[in-house]
Amino acid sequence: MTERRLVVRATSDFFRDLDRQLPGERGPRGEPSTHDFQAFELLRIVERFATGFEDLPELIPGRADYRILITAGTLVAGIAVVGQLVGDGAVELIQLDIDVGESWPD
């Protein structure tokens, strides 16, 4: 039996959010760049929305087409991503918030 897999696309708004929060080049103390985020974090995010969209919490109660993923990152302390199920059955990643602090509180 094959698991249901959705197509996932990152929107220009998602990438604007990324560019606003991380620099284009790695920082002097090893702070991650936008490229680092795309290489290490984005693939994991896409996979989670592609295979587990229905399991993510609704962003807006009663609106099953908007889901949110809140997770710890590999390079950053935390990540919150909003995805929307659109008319063609794909999920569009429409918003990104990154916590670059040392850790998320429990």
PDB file of N, CA and C in Angstrom:
ATOM      1  N   MET A   1       0.837  -1.182   0.000  1.00  0.00           N
ATOM      2  CA  MET A   1       0.000   0.000   0.000  1.00  0.00           C
ATOM      3  C   MET A   1       0.883   1.247   0.000  1.00  0.00           C
ATOM      4  N   THR A   2       0.605   2.170  -0.884  1.00  0.00           N
ATOM      5  CA  THR A   2       1.388   3.395  -1.004  1.00  0.00           C
ATOM      6  C   THR A   2       0.777   4.496  -0.157  1.00  0.00           C
ATOM      7  N   GLU A   3       1.634   5.175   0.579  1.00  0.00           N
ATOM      8  CA  GLU A   3       1.181   6.293   1.406  1.00  0.00           C
ATOM      9  C   GLU A   3       0.862   7.486   0.508  1.00  0.00           C
ATOM     10  N   ARG A   4      -0.193   8.208   0.876  1.00  0.00           N
ATOM     11  CA  ARG A   4      -0.596   9.389   0.106  1.00  0.00           C
ATOM     12  C   ARG A   4       0.470  10.468   0.250  1.00  0.00           C
ATOM     13  N   ARG A   5       0.868  11.017  -0.865  1.00  0.00           N
ATOM     14  CA  ARG A   5       1.908  12.047  -0.881  1.00  0.00           C
ATOM     15  C   ARG A   5       1.398  13.226  -1.684  1.00  0.00           C
ATOM     16  N   LEU A   6       1.419  14.407  -1.064  1.00  0.00           N
ATOM     17  CA  LEU A   6       0.968  15.623  -1.723  1.00  0.00           C
ATOM     18  C   LEU A   6       2.139  16.351  -2.359  1.00  0.00           C
ATOM     19  N   VAL A   7       1.872  17.064  -3.429  1.00  0.00           N
ATOM     20  CA  VAL A   7       2.857  17.967  -4.023  1.00  0.00           C
ATOM     21  C   VAL A   7       2.944  19.183  -3.108  1.00  0.00           C
ATOM     22  N   VAL A   8       4.160  19.647  -2.844  1.00  0.00           N
ATOM     23  CA  VAL A   8       4.365  20.814  -1.983  1.00  0.00           C
ATOM     24  C   VAL A   8       5.176  21.840  -2.759  1.00  0.00           C
ATOM     25  N   ARG A   9       4.690  23.093  -2.717  1.00  0.00           N
ATOM     26  CA  ARG A   9       5.381  24.203  -3.385  1.00  0.00           C
ATOM     27  C   ARG A   9       5.597  25.320  -2.368  1.00  0.00           C
ATOM     28  N   ALA A  10       6.765  25.901  -2.390  1.00  0.00           N
ATOM     29  CA  ALA A  10       7.032  27.085  -1.569  1.00  0.00           C
ATOM     30  C   ALA A  10       6.715  28.320  -2.417  1.00  0.00           C
ATOM     31  N   THR A  11       5.953  29.248  -1.843  1.00  0.00           N
ATOM     32  CA  THR A  11       5.545  30.453  -2.567  1.00  0.00           C
ATOM     33  C   THR A  11       6.613  31.538  -2.458  1.00  0.00           C
ATOM     34  N   SER A  12       6.451  32.570  -3.259  1.00  0.00           N
ATOM     35  CA  SER A  12       7.381  33.707  -3.187  1.00  0.00           C
ATOM     36  C   SER A  12       7.293  34.378  -1.815  1.00  0.00           C
ATOM     37  N   ASP A  13       6.108  34.398  -1.193  1.00  0.00           N
ATOM     38  CA  ASP A  13       5.989  34.958   0.163  1.00  0.00           C
ATOM     39  C   ASP A  13       6.827  34.158   1.159  1.00  0.00           C
ATOM     40  N   PHE A  14       6.844  32.853   1.027  1.00  0.00           N
ATOM     41  CA  PHE A  14       7.665  31.997   1.888  1.00  0.00           C
ATOM     42  C   PHE A  14       9.137  32.385   1.753  1.00  0.00           C
ATOM     43  N   PHE A  15       9.605  32.533   0.511  1.00  0.00           N
ATOM     44  CA  PHE A  15      11.013  32.867   0.302  1.00  0.00           C
ATOM     45  C   PHE A  15      11.326  34.307   0.723  1.00  0.00           C
ATOM     46  N   ARG A  16      10.366  35.214   0.619  1.00  0.00           N
ATOM     47  CA  ARG A  16      10.567  36.571   1.154  1.00  0.00           C
ATOM     48  C   ARG A  16      10.729  36.519   2.668  1.00  0.00           C
ATOM     49  N   ASP A  17       9.905  35.700   3.329  1.00  0.00           N
ATOM     50  CA  ASP A  17      10.048  35.526   4.771  1.00  0.00           C
ATOM     51  C   ASP A  17      11.429  34.984   5.118  1.00  0.00           C
ATOM     52  N   LEU A  18      11.899  34.009   4.356  1.00  0.00           N
ATOM     53  CA  LEU A  18      13.227  33.437   4.583  1.00  0.00           C
ATOM     54  C   LEU A  18      14.307  34.502   4.415  1.00  0.00           C
ATOM     55  N   ASP A  19      14.247  35.255   3.329  1.00  0.00           N
ATOM     56  CA  ASP A  19      15.256  36.293   3.066  1.00  0.00           C
ATOM     57  C   ASP A  19      15.242  37.390   4.128  1.00  0.00           C
ATOM     58  N   ARG A  20      14.080  37.663   4.689  1.00  0.00           N
ATOM     59  CA  ARG A  20      13.950  38.698   5.717  1.00  0.00           C
ATOM     60  C   ARG A  20      14.579  38.249   7.047  1.00  0.00           C
ATOM     61  N   GLN A  21      14.605  36.935   7.290  1.00  0.00           N
ATOM     62  CA  GLN A  21      15.024  36.437   8.599  1.00  0.00           C
ATOM     63  C   GLN A  21      16.446  35.894   8.665  1.00  0.00           C
ATOM     64  N   LEU A  22      16.988  35.486   7.520  1.00  0.00           N
ATOM     65  CA  LEU A  22      18.350  34.966   7.497  1.00  0.00           C
ATOM     66  C   LEU A  22      19.157  35.681   6.433  1.00  0.00           C
ATOM     67  N   PRO A  23      20.461  35.842   6.665  1.00  0.00           N
ATOM     68  CA  PRO A  23      21.312  36.507   5.678  1.00  0.00           C
ATOM     69  C   PRO A  23      21.606  35.605   4.483  1.00  0.00           C
ATOM     70  N   GLY A  24      22.032  36.224   3.401  1.00  0.00           N
ATOM     71  CA  GLY A  24      22.383  35.477   2.198  1.00  0.00           C
ATOM     72  C   GLY A  24      23.670  34.678   2.348  1.00  0.00           C
ATOM     73  N   GLU A  25      24.541  35.095   3.262  1.00  0.00           N
ATOM     74  CA  GLU A  25      25.819  34.412   3.506  1.00  0.00           C
ATOM     75  C   GLU A  25      25.873  33.967   4.965  1.00  0.00           C
ATOM     76  N   ARG A  26      26.584  32.896   5.224  1.00  0.00           N
ATOM     77  CA  ARG A  26      26.756  32.404   6.592  1.00  0.00           C
ATOM     78  C   ARG A  26      27.433  33.490   7.423  1.00  0.00           C
ATOM     79  N   GLY A  27      26.965  33.678   8.660  1.00  0.00           N
ATOM     80  CA  GLY A  27      27.487  34.713   9.544  1.00  0.00           C
ATOM     81  C   GLY A  27      28.875  34.397  10.070  1.00  0.00           C
ATOM     82  N   PRO A  28      29.559  35.402  10.644  1.00  0.00           N
ATOM     83  CA  PRO A  28      30.928  35.225  11.122  1.00  0.00           C
ATOM     84  C   PRO A  28      31.054  34.215  12.269  1.00  0.00           C
ATOM     85  N   ARG A  29      29.995  33.995  13.009  1.00  0.00           N
ATOM     86  CA  ARG A  29      30.016  33.017  14.105  1.00  0.00           C
ATOM     87  C   ARG A  29      29.324  31.721  13.687  1.00  0.00           C
ATOM     88  N   GLY A  30      29.153  31.532  12.392  1.00  0.00           N
ATOM     89  CA  GLY A  30      28.531  30.313  11.887  1.00  0.00           C
ATOM     90  C   GLY A  30      27.026  30.365  11.793  1.00  0.00           C
ATOM     91  N   GLU A  31      26.423  31.579  11.932  1.00  0.00           N
ATOM     92  CA  GLU A  31      24.979  31.701  11.806  1.00  0.00           C
ATOM     93  C   GLU A  31      24.550  31.231  10.425  1.00  0.00           C
ATOM     94  N   PRO A  32      23.446  30.487  10.341  1.00  0.00           N
ATOM     95  CA  PRO A  32      23.037  29.921   9.054  1.00  0.00           C
ATOM     96  C   PRO A  32      22.568  30.978   8.059  1.00  0.00           C
ATOM     97  N   SER A  33      22.773  30.677   6.802  1.00  0.00           N
ATOM     98  CA  SER A  33      22.340  31.536   5.703  1.00  0.00           C
ATOM     99  C   SER A  33      21.042  30.985   5.113  1.00  0.00           C
ATOM    100  N   THR A  34      20.484  31.724   4.170  1.00  0.00           N
ATOM    101  CA  THR A  34      19.286  31.242   3.477  1.00  0.00           C
ATOM    102  C   THR A  34      19.590  29.928   2.746  1.00  0.00           C
ATOM    103  N   HIS A  35      20.768  29.830   2.165  1.00  0.00           N
ATOM    104  CA  HIS A  35      21.160  28.598   1.468  1.00  0.00           C
ATOM    105  C   HIS A  35      21.232  27.434   2.453  1.00  0.00           C
ATOM    106  N   ASP A  36      21.836  27.661   3.623  1.00  0.00           N
ATOM    107  CA  ASP A  36      21.909  26.607   4.635  1.00  0.00           C
ATOM    108  C   ASP A  36      20.507  26.129   5.012  1.00  0.00           C
ATOM    109  N   PHE A  37      19.594  27.079   5.206  1.00  0.00           N
ATOM    110  CA  PHE A  37      18.225  26.730   5.575  1.00  0.00           C
ATOM    111  C   PHE A  37      17.588  25.865   4.489  1.00  0.00           C
ATOM    112  N   GLN A  38      17.775  26.254   3.246  1.00  0.00           N
ATOM    113  CA  GLN A  38      17.178  25.489   2.150  1.00  0.00           C
ATOM    114  C   GLN A  38      17.773  24.086   2.061  1.00  0.00           C
ATOM    115  N   ALA A  39      19.060  23.958   2.341  1.00  0.00           N
ATOM    116  CA  ALA A  39      19.714  22.654   2.237  1.00  0.00           C
ATOM    117  C   ALA A  39      19.391  21.730   3.414  1.00  0.00           C
ATOM    118  N   PHE A  40      19.261  22.283   4.623  1.00  0.00           N
ATOM    119  CA  PHE A  40      19.112  21.444   5.806  1.00  0.00           C
ATOM    120  C   PHE A  40      17.707  21.417   6.400  1.00  0.00           C
ATOM    121  N   GLU A  41      16.945  22.488   6.268  1.00  0.00           N
ATOM    122  CA  GLU A  41      15.639  22.556   6.914  1.00  0.00           C
ATOM    123  C   GLU A  41      14.479  22.364   5.939  1.00  0.00           C
ATOM    124  N   LEU A  42      14.582  22.956   4.761  1.00  0.00           N
ATOM    125  CA  LEU A  42      13.446  22.998   3.843  1.00  0.00           C
ATOM    126  C   LEU A  42      13.013  21.606   3.375  1.00  0.00           C
ATOM    127  N   LEU A  43      13.955  20.730   3.109  1.00  0.00           N
ATOM    128  CA  LEU A  43      13.591  19.388   2.641  1.00  0.00           C
ATOM    129  C   LEU A  43      12.776  18.635   3.697  1.00  0.00           C
ATOM    130  N   ARG A  44      13.141  18.788   4.959  1.00  0.00           N
ATOM    131  CA  ARG A  44      12.403  18.160   6.054  1.00  0.00           C
ATOM    132  C   ARG A  44      10.989  18.734   6.164  1.00  0.00           C
ATOM    133  N   ILE A  45      10.878  20.048   5.986  1.00  0.00           N
ATOM    134  CA  ILE A  45       9.572  20.723   6.040  1.00  0.00           C
ATOM    135  C   ILE A  45       8.674  20.226   4.902  1.00  0.00           C
ATOM    136  N   VAL A  46       9.211  20.194   3.703  1.00  0.00           N
ATOM    137  CA  VAL A  46       8.446  19.729   2.538  1.00  0.00           C
ATOM    138  C   VAL A  46       7.973  18.300   2.754  1.00  0.00           C
ATOM    139  N   GLU A  47       8.836  17.451   3.250  1.00  0.00           N
ATOM    140  CA  GLU A  47       8.476  16.049   3.483  1.00  0.00           C
ATOM    141  C   GLU A  47       7.335  15.933   4.495  1.00  0.00           C
ATOM    142  N   ARG A  48       7.390  16.733   5.543  1.00  0.00           N
ATOM    143  CA  ARG A  48       6.336  16.681   6.582  1.00  0.00           C
ATOM    144  C   ARG A  48       4.985  17.096   6.014  1.00  0.00           C
ATOM    145  N   PHE A  49       4.965  18.160   5.206  1.00  0.00           N
ATOM    146  CA  PHE A  49       3.700  18.587   4.599  1.00  0.00           C
ATOM    147  C   PHE A  49       3.247  17.587   3.528  1.00  0.00           C
ATOM    148  N   ALA A  50       4.176  17.005   2.800  1.00  0.00           N
ATOM    149  CA  ALA A  50       3.821  16.064   1.727  1.00  0.00           C
ATOM    150  C   ALA A  50       3.202  14.785   2.265  1.00  0.00           C
ATOM    151  N   THR A  51       3.692  14.302   3.391  1.00  0.00           N
ATOM    152  CA  THR A  51       3.243  13.003   3.893  1.00  0.00           C
ATOM    153  C   THR A  51       2.342  13.087   5.123  1.00  0.00           C
ATOM    154  N   GLY A  52       2.286  14.248   5.774  1.00  0.00           N
ATOM    155  CA  GLY A  52       1.524  14.330   7.011  1.00  0.00           C
ATOM    156  C   GLY A  52       0.642  15.550   7.141  1.00  0.00           C
ATOM    157  N   PHE A  53       0.220  16.119   6.021  1.00  0.00           N
ATOM    158  CA  PHE A  53      -0.584  17.342   6.062  1.00  0.00           C
ATOM    159  C   PHE A  53      -1.806  17.183   6.961  1.00  0.00           C
ATOM    160  N   GLU A  54      -2.524  16.079   6.820  1.00  0.00           N
ATOM    161  CA  GLU A  54      -3.762  15.859   7.578  1.00  0.00           C
ATOM    162  C   GLU A  54      -3.510  15.748   9.082  1.00  0.00           C
ATOM    163  N   ASP A  55      -2.296  15.383   9.467  1.00  0.00           N
ATOM    164  CA  ASP A  55      -1.961  15.213  10.880  1.00  0.00           C
ATOM    165  C   ASP A  55      -1.532  16.516  11.551  1.00  0.00           C
ATOM    166  N   LEU A  56      -1.226  17.540  10.771  1.00  0.00           N
ATOM    167  CA  LEU A  56      -0.813  18.820  11.340  1.00  0.00           C
ATOM    168  C   LEU A  56      -2.026  19.564  11.888  1.00  0.00           C
ATOM    169  N   PRO A  57      -1.834  20.377  12.923  1.00  0.00           N
ATOM    170  CA  PRO A  57      -2.977  21.123  13.471  1.00  0.00           C
ATOM    171  C   PRO A  57      -3.483  22.188  12.499  1.00  0.00           C
ATOM    172  N   GLU A  58      -4.790  22.430  12.551  1.00  0.00           N
ATOM    173  CA  GLU A  58      -5.383  23.499  11.748  1.00  0.00           C
ATOM    174  C   GLU A  58      -4.895  24.840  12.273  1.00  0.00           C
ATOM    175  N   LEU A  59      -4.514  25.717  11.373  1.00  0.00           N
ATOM    176  CA  LEU A  59      -4.107  27.072  11.763  1.00  0.00           C
ATOM    177  C   LEU A  59      -5.312  27.849  12.259  1.00  0.00           C
ATOM    178  N   ILE A  60      -6.430  27.691  11.551  1.00  0.00           N
ATOM    179  CA  ILE A  60      -7.687  28.366  11.876  1.00  0.00           C
ATOM    180  C   ILE A  60      -8.714  27.268  12.143  1.00  0.00           C
ATOM    181  N   PRO A  61      -9.266  27.204  13.358  1.00  0.00           N
ATOM    182  CA  PRO A  61     -10.244  26.156  13.640  1.00  0.00           C
ATOM    183  C   PRO A  61     -11.377  26.141  12.603  1.00  0.00           C
ATOM    184  N   GLY A  62     -11.662  24.948  12.097  1.00  0.00           N
ATOM    185  CA  GLY A  62     -12.706  24.796  11.088  1.00  0.00           C
ATOM    186  C   GLY A  62     -12.231  24.993   9.664  1.00  0.00           C
ATOM    187  N   ARG A  63     -10.980  25.379   9.466  1.00  0.00           N
ATOM    188  CA  ARG A  63     -10.417  25.562   8.116  1.00  0.00           C
ATOM    189  C   ARG A  63      -9.328  24.514   7.901  1.00  0.00           C
ATOM    190  N   ALA A  64      -9.739  23.342   7.454  1.00  0.00           N
ATOM    191  CA  ALA A  64      -8.810  22.229   7.281  1.00  0.00           C
ATOM    192  C   ALA A  64      -7.804  22.458   6.160  1.00  0.00           C
ATOM    193  N   ASP A  65      -7.998  23.502   5.367  1.00  0.00           N
ATOM    194  CA  ASP A  65      -7.074  23.771   4.266  1.00  0.00           C
ATOM    195  C   ASP A  65      -5.829  24.537   4.715  1.00  0.00           C
ATOM    196  N   TYR A  66      -5.819  25.064   5.926  1.00  0.00           N
ATOM    197  CA  TYR A  66      -4.644  25.758   6.476  1.00  0.00           C
ATOM    198  C   TYR A  66      -4.100  24.948   7.645  1.00  0.00           C
ATOM    199  N   ARG A  67      -2.838  24.531   7.549  1.00  0.00           N
ATOM    200  CA  ARG A  67      -2.191  23.762   8.614  1.00  0.00           C
ATOM    201  C   ARG A  67      -0.896  24.451   8.999  1.00  0.00           C
ATOM    202  N   ILE A  68      -0.452  24.178  10.236  1.00  0.00           N
ATOM    203  CA  ILE A  68       0.786  24.775  10.720  1.00  0.00           C
ATOM    204  C   ILE A  68       1.710  23.688  11.246  1.00  0.00           C
ATOM    205  N   LEU A  69       2.968  23.844  10.924  1.00  0.00           N
ATOM    206  CA  LEU A  69       4.021  22.979  11.443  1.00  0.00           C
ATOM    207  C   LEU A  69       4.901  23.831  12.343  1.00  0.00           C
ATOM    208  N   ILE A  70       5.023  23.419  13.588  1.00  0.00           N
ATOM    209  CA  ILE A  70       5.934  24.072  14.527  1.00  0.00           C
ATOM    210  C   ILE A  70       6.907  23.000  14.980  1.00  0.00           C
ATOM    211  N   THR A  71       8.202  23.254  14.762  1.00  0.00           N
ATOM    212  CA  THR A  71       9.191  22.222  15.035  1.00  0.00           C
ATOM    213  C   THR A  71      10.531  22.855  15.387  1.00  0.00           C
ATOM    214  N   ALA A  72      11.366  22.086  16.045  1.00  0.00           N
ATOM    215  CA  ALA A  72      12.746  22.492  16.266  1.00  0.00           C
ATOM    216  C   ALA A  72      13.494  22.310  14.959  1.00  0.00           C
ATOM    217  N   GLY A  73      14.485  23.143  14.737  1.00  0.00           N
ATOM    218  CA  GLY A  73      15.276  23.036  13.521  1.00  0.00           C
ATOM    219  C   GLY A  73      16.586  22.318  13.760  1.00  0.00           C
ATOM    220  N   THR A  74      17.274  22.036  12.672  1.00  0.00           N
ATOM    221  CA  THR A  74      18.616  21.473  12.742  1.00  0.00           C
ATOM    222  C   THR A  74      19.636  22.588  12.932  1.00  0.00           C
ATOM    223  N   LEU A  75      19.442  23.703  12.212  1.00  0.00           N
ATOM    224  CA  LEU A  75      20.368  24.833  12.260  1.00  0.00           C
ATOM    225  C   LEU A  75      19.847  26.011  13.065  1.00  0.00           C
ATOM    226  N   VAL A  76      18.550  26.055  13.281  1.00  0.00           N
ATOM    227  CA  VAL A  76      17.912  27.146  14.019  1.00  0.00           C
ATOM    228  C   VAL A  76      17.119  26.539  15.170  1.00  0.00           C
ATOM    229  N   ALA A  77      16.806  27.370  16.163  1.00  0.00           N
ATOM    230  CA  ALA A  77      16.112  26.849  17.347  1.00  0.00           C
ATOM    231  C   ALA A  77      14.719  26.336  17.014  1.00  0.00           C
ATOM    232  N   GLY A  78      13.984  27.073  16.217  1.00  0.00           N
ATOM    233  CA  GLY A  78      12.624  26.667  15.915  1.00  0.00           C
ATOM    234  C   GLY A  78      12.127  27.224  14.607  1.00  0.00           C
ATOM    235  N   ILE A  79      11.110  26.559  14.078  1.00  0.00           N
ATOM    236  CA  ILE A  79      10.534  26.924  12.781  1.00  0.00           C
ATOM    237  C   ILE A  79       9.022  26.786  12.882  1.00  0.00           C
ATOM    238  N   ALA A  80       8.306  27.767  12.343  1.00  0.00           N
ATOM    239  CA  ALA A  80       6.851  27.671  12.196  1.00  0.00           C
ATOM    240  C   ALA A  80       6.532  27.936  10.723  1.00  0.00           C
ATOM    241  N   VAL A  81       5.821  27.012  10.111  1.00  0.00           N
ATOM    242  CA  VAL A  81       5.483  27.115   8.690  1.00  0.00           C
ATOM    243  C   VAL A  81       3.984  26.917   8.520  1.00  0.00           C
ATOM    244  N   VAL A  82       3.363  27.805   7.742  1.00  0.00           N
ATOM    245  CA  VAL A  82       1.953  27.672   7.411  1.00  0.00           C
ATOM    246  C   VAL A  82       1.855  27.138   5.987  1.00  0.00           C
ATOM    247  N   GLY A  83       1.045  26.099   5.819  1.00  0.00           N
ATOM    248  CA  GLY A  83       0.780  25.535   4.503  1.00  0.00           C
ATOM    249  C   GLY A  83      -0.706  25.586   4.208  1.00  0.00           C
ATOM    250  N   GLN A  84      -1.023  25.811   2.929  1.00  0.00           N
ATOM    251  CA  GLN A  84      -2.425  25.865   2.507  1.00  0.00           C
ATOM    252  C   GLN A  84      -2.645  24.843   1.401  1.00  0.00           C
ATOM    253  N   LEU A  85      -3.684  24.027   1.568  1.00  0.00           N
ATOM    254  CA  LEU A  85      -4.091  23.094   0.526  1.00  0.00           C
ATOM    255  C   LEU A  85      -4.868  23.893  -0.515  1.00  0.00           C
ATOM    256  N   VAL A  86      -4.395  23.877  -1.761  1.00  0.00           N
ATOM    257  CA  VAL A  86      -5.014  24.689  -2.814  1.00  0.00           C
ATOM    258  C   VAL A  86      -5.813  23.819  -3.775  1.00  0.00           C
ATOM    259  N   GLY A  87      -6.506  24.474  -4.703  1.00  0.00           N
ATOM    260  CA  GLY A  87      -7.467  23.833  -5.587  1.00  0.00           C
ATOM    261  C   GLY A  87      -6.958  22.649  -6.380  1.00  0.00           C
ATOM    262  N   ASP A  88      -5.688  22.636  -6.753  1.00  0.00           N
ATOM    263  CA  ASP A  88      -5.169  21.519  -7.549  1.00  0.00           C
ATOM    264  C   ASP A  88      -4.693  20.349  -6.692  1.00  0.00           C
ATOM    265  N   GLY A  89      -4.925  20.441  -5.354  1.00  0.00           N
ATOM    266  CA  GLY A  89      -4.550  19.354  -4.461  1.00  0.00           C
ATOM    267  C   GLY A  89      -3.146  19.446  -3.910  1.00  0.00           C
ATOM    268  N   ALA A  90      -2.405  20.476  -4.287  1.00  0.00           N
ATOM    269  CA  ALA A  90      -1.056  20.680  -3.772  1.00  0.00           C
ATOM    270  C   ALA A  90      -1.120  21.510  -2.491  1.00  0.00           C
ATOM    271  N   VAL A  91      -0.024  21.474  -1.743  1.00  0.00           N
ATOM    272  CA  VAL A  91       0.127  22.310  -0.560  1.00  0.00           C
ATOM    273  C   VAL A  91       1.109  23.414  -0.908  1.00  0.00           C
ATOM    274  N   GLU A  92       0.706  24.649  -0.642  1.00  0.00           N
ATOM    275  CA  GLU A  92       1.610  25.789  -0.830  1.00  0.00           C
ATOM    276  C   GLU A  92       2.082  26.268   0.531  1.00  0.00           C
ATOM    277  N   LEU A  93       3.396  26.376   0.688  1.00  0.00           N
ATOM    278  CA  LEU A  93       3.973  26.934   1.905  1.00  0.00           C
ATOM    279  C   LEU A  93       3.905  28.441   1.768  1.00  0.00           C
ATOM    280  N   ILE A  94       3.128  29.087   2.649  1.00  0.00           N
ATOM    281  CA  ILE A  94       2.823  30.503   2.449  1.00  0.00           C
ATOM    282  C   ILE A  94       3.415  31.430   3.500  1.00  0.00           C
ATOM    283  N   GLN A  95       3.896  30.883   4.609  1.00  0.00           N
ATOM    284  CA  GLN A  95       4.450  31.743   5.654  1.00  0.00           C
ATOM    285  C   GLN A  95       5.521  30.978   6.419  1.00  0.00           C
ATOM    286  N   LEU A  96       6.587  31.681   6.795  1.00  0.00           N
ATOM    287  CA  LEU A  96       7.707  31.089   7.522  1.00  0.00           C
ATOM    288  C   LEU A  96       8.137  32.025   8.636  1.00  0.00           C
ATOM    289  N   ASP A  97       8.247  31.483   9.822  1.00  0.00           N
ATOM    290  CA  ASP A  97       8.814  32.218  10.950  1.00  0.00           C
ATOM    291  C   ASP A  97       9.920  31.365  11.546  1.00  0.00           C
ATOM    292  N   ILE A  98      11.078  31.988  11.742  1.00  0.00           N
ATOM    293  CA  ILE A  98      12.257  31.282  12.235  1.00  0.00           C
ATOM    294  C   ILE A  98      12.663  31.885  13.574  1.00  0.00           C
ATOM    295  N   ASP A  99      12.934  31.013  14.539  1.00  0.00           N
ATOM    296  CA  ASP A  99      13.509  31.435  15.816  1.00  0.00           C
ATOM    297  C   ASP A  99      14.992  31.086  15.757  1.00  0.00           C
ATOM    298  N   VAL A 100      15.833  32.091  15.720  1.00  0.00           N
ATOM    299  CA  VAL A 100      17.270  31.856  15.622  1.00  0.00           C
ATOM    300  C   VAL A 100      17.942  31.822  16.985  1.00  0.00           C
ATOM    301  N   GLY A 101      17.135  31.904  18.055  1.00  0.00           N
ATOM    302  CA  GLY A 101      17.677  31.836  19.410  1.00  0.00           C
ATOM    303  C   GLY A 101      18.304  30.478  19.693  1.00  0.00           C
ATOM    304  N   GLU A 102      18.824  30.347  20.883  1.00  0.00           N
ATOM    305  CA  GLU A 102      19.517  29.116  21.242  1.00  0.00           C
ATOM    306  C   GLU A 102      18.594  27.913  21.388  1.00  0.00           C
ATOM    307  N   SER A 103      17.404  28.127  21.946  1.00  0.00           N
ATOM    308  CA  SER A 103      16.470  27.006  22.087  1.00  0.00           C
ATOM    309  C   SER A 103      15.064  27.547  22.330  1.00  0.00           C
ATOM    310  N   TRP A 104      14.073  26.707  22.069  1.00  0.00           N
ATOM    311  CA  TRP A 104      12.680  27.069  22.346  1.00  0.00           C
ATOM    312  C   TRP A 104      12.387  26.685  23.773  1.00  0.00           C
ATOM    313  N   PRO A 105      11.597  27.511  24.476  1.00  0.00           N
ATOM    314  CA  PRO A 105      11.235  27.127  25.843  1.00  0.00           C
ATOM    315  C   PRO A 105      10.325  25.894  25.839  1.00  0.00           C
ATOM    316  N   ASP A 106      10.405  25.122  26.926  1.00  0.00           N
ATOM    317  CA  ASP A 106       9.545  23.936  27.052  1.00  0.00           C
ATOM    318  C   ASP A 106       8.122  24.320  27.340  1.00  0.00           C
TER     319      ASP A 106
END
